[in-house]
Protein backbone atom coordinates (compact mmCIF):
# COMPACT_ATOMS: atom_id res chain seq x y z
CA MET A 1 91.71 113.55 93.98
CA ASN A 2 91.41 117.10 95.14
CA TYR A 3 88.09 116.88 96.96
CA PRO A 4 87.98 116.97 100.76
CA ILE A 5 88.21 113.69 102.65
CA ASN A 6 85.61 113.84 105.42
CA ASN A 7 85.71 110.29 106.79
CA ILE A 8 87.50 106.94 106.50
CA PRO A 9 85.39 105.61 103.58
CA ASP A 10 86.26 108.82 101.67
CA PHE A 11 89.92 108.14 102.46
CA TYR A 12 89.74 104.60 101.03
CA LYS A 13 88.00 105.87 97.91
CA ALA A 14 90.44 108.75 97.37
CA ARG A 15 93.45 106.43 97.62
CA SER A 16 92.08 104.38 94.69
CA PHE A 17 93.75 101.13 95.80
CA ASN A 18 90.49 99.19 96.32
CA GLU A 19 91.11 99.12 100.07
CA GLU A 20 88.16 98.43 102.36
CA THR A 21 89.82 98.38 105.78
CA MET A 22 92.47 100.36 107.63
CA GLN A 23 94.40 97.10 107.95
CA GLN A 24 94.73 97.02 104.15
CA VAL A 25 95.82 100.68 104.11
CA THR A 26 98.41 99.97 106.81
CA LYS A 27 99.74 96.93 104.97
CA ASN A 28 100.05 98.82 101.67
CA THR A 29 101.62 101.84 103.36
CA TYR A 30 104.21 99.62 105.05
CA LYS A 31 104.88 97.58 101.92
CA TYR A 32 105.26 100.48 99.49
CA THR A 33 107.38 102.87 101.57
CA ASN A 34 111.13 102.64 101.99
CA CYS A 35 110.89 103.16 105.74
CA GLY A 36 108.01 100.76 106.39
CA ALA A 37 105.67 103.53 107.51
CA TRP A 38 102.43 102.81 109.34
CA CYS A 39 99.02 104.39 108.95
CA ALA A 40 96.20 104.34 111.50
CA THR A 41 93.00 106.10 112.42
CA ALA A 42 93.37 109.14 114.67
CA HIS A 43 90.99 109.46 117.61
CA ASP A 44 89.97 112.24 119.97
CA ASP A 45 89.63 111.94 123.76
CA GLN A 46 86.18 110.33 123.37
CA CYS A 47 87.58 107.68 120.97
CA GLU A 48 85.82 109.25 117.97
CA VAL A 49 87.67 108.90 114.66
CA ILE A 50 88.89 112.38 113.70
CA GLY A 51 91.26 111.53 110.84
CA VAL A 52 94.31 109.45 110.02
CA LYS A 53 97.89 109.48 111.24
CA VAL A 54 101.16 108.26 109.77
CA GLY A 55 104.61 107.62 111.18
CA SER A 56 107.40 105.08 111.26
CA ILE A 57 109.67 103.33 113.69
CA VAL A 58 113.25 103.46 112.49
CA GLU A 59 114.85 100.03 112.31
CA GLY A 60 118.44 99.99 113.53
CA SER A 61 117.90 102.86 115.96
CA ASP A 62 115.95 103.69 119.08
CA ALA A 63 114.00 106.39 117.25
CA GLY A 64 110.66 106.90 115.62
CA THR A 65 109.50 109.65 113.35
CA GLU A 66 107.08 112.37 114.26
CA VAL A 67 103.49 111.19 114.07
CA HIS A 68 101.65 113.25 111.45
CA THR A 69 97.94 113.56 112.19
CA LEU A 70 95.55 114.66 109.46
CA LYS A 71 92.16 115.70 110.81
CA PHE A 72 89.02 115.61 108.70
CA PRO A 73 88.52 117.29 106.34
CA PHE A 74 91.85 116.98 104.52
CA LYS A 75 92.93 116.42 100.94
CA LEU A 76 94.74 113.35 99.65
CA LYS A 77 97.75 115.49 98.70
CA ASP A 78 98.07 116.32 102.43
CA PHE A 79 98.31 112.60 103.19
CA TRP A 80 101.01 112.07 100.54
CA THR A 81 102.93 115.10 101.85
CA ALA A 82 102.81 113.74 105.40
CA LEU A 83 103.97 110.33 104.17
CA ASP A 84 106.85 111.94 102.24
CA ASN A 85 107.84 113.81 105.41
CA VAL A 86 107.84 110.53 107.36
CA GLU A 87 110.07 108.91 104.71
CA GLU A 88 112.54 111.81 104.81
CA GLU A 89 112.65 111.90 108.61
CA ALA A 90 113.08 108.12 108.86
CA GLU A 91 116.01 108.23 106.43
CA MET A 92 117.65 111.06 108.39
CA LEU A 93 117.19 109.22 111.71
CA TRP A 94 118.51 105.96 110.25
CA ASN A 95 121.57 107.73 108.86
CA GLU A 96 122.22 109.45 112.19
CA ALA A 97 122.10 106.11 114.00
CA ASN A 98 123.98 103.99 111.48
CA VAL A 99 126.18 105.86 108.98
CA ASP A 100 128.75 107.15 111.47
CA ASN A 101 128.85 103.74 113.16
CA GLU A 102 129.46 102.00 109.81
CA ASN A 103 132.23 104.44 108.91
CA TYR A 104 133.84 103.88 112.31
CA LEU A 105 133.69 100.09 111.92
CA ASN A 106 135.12 100.25 108.39
CA GLU A 107 138.04 102.41 109.54
CA SER A 108 138.97 100.11 112.44
């Protein structure tokens, strides 16, 4: 969908996964990403919902990805781009924390 997402119900509708709660979005985001990304509502200082945010902790390291916040209005393609960026960053962080260690252990 290329129309602007102005609120959370618009976000659910644009995703087209029959989700009705942010808990369902979070579960699906975690389940269907390689890095186990999370998705949550973004809030301002007065606790008003201003958009959504995505990120990931990186298993096997002490790192987490950048949190990408999308403020209303945004387009669904912006969400997918942010999620792709999280996946790429999580893979890079995991490799930094684990690949050299695995090579070292294999050479010993």
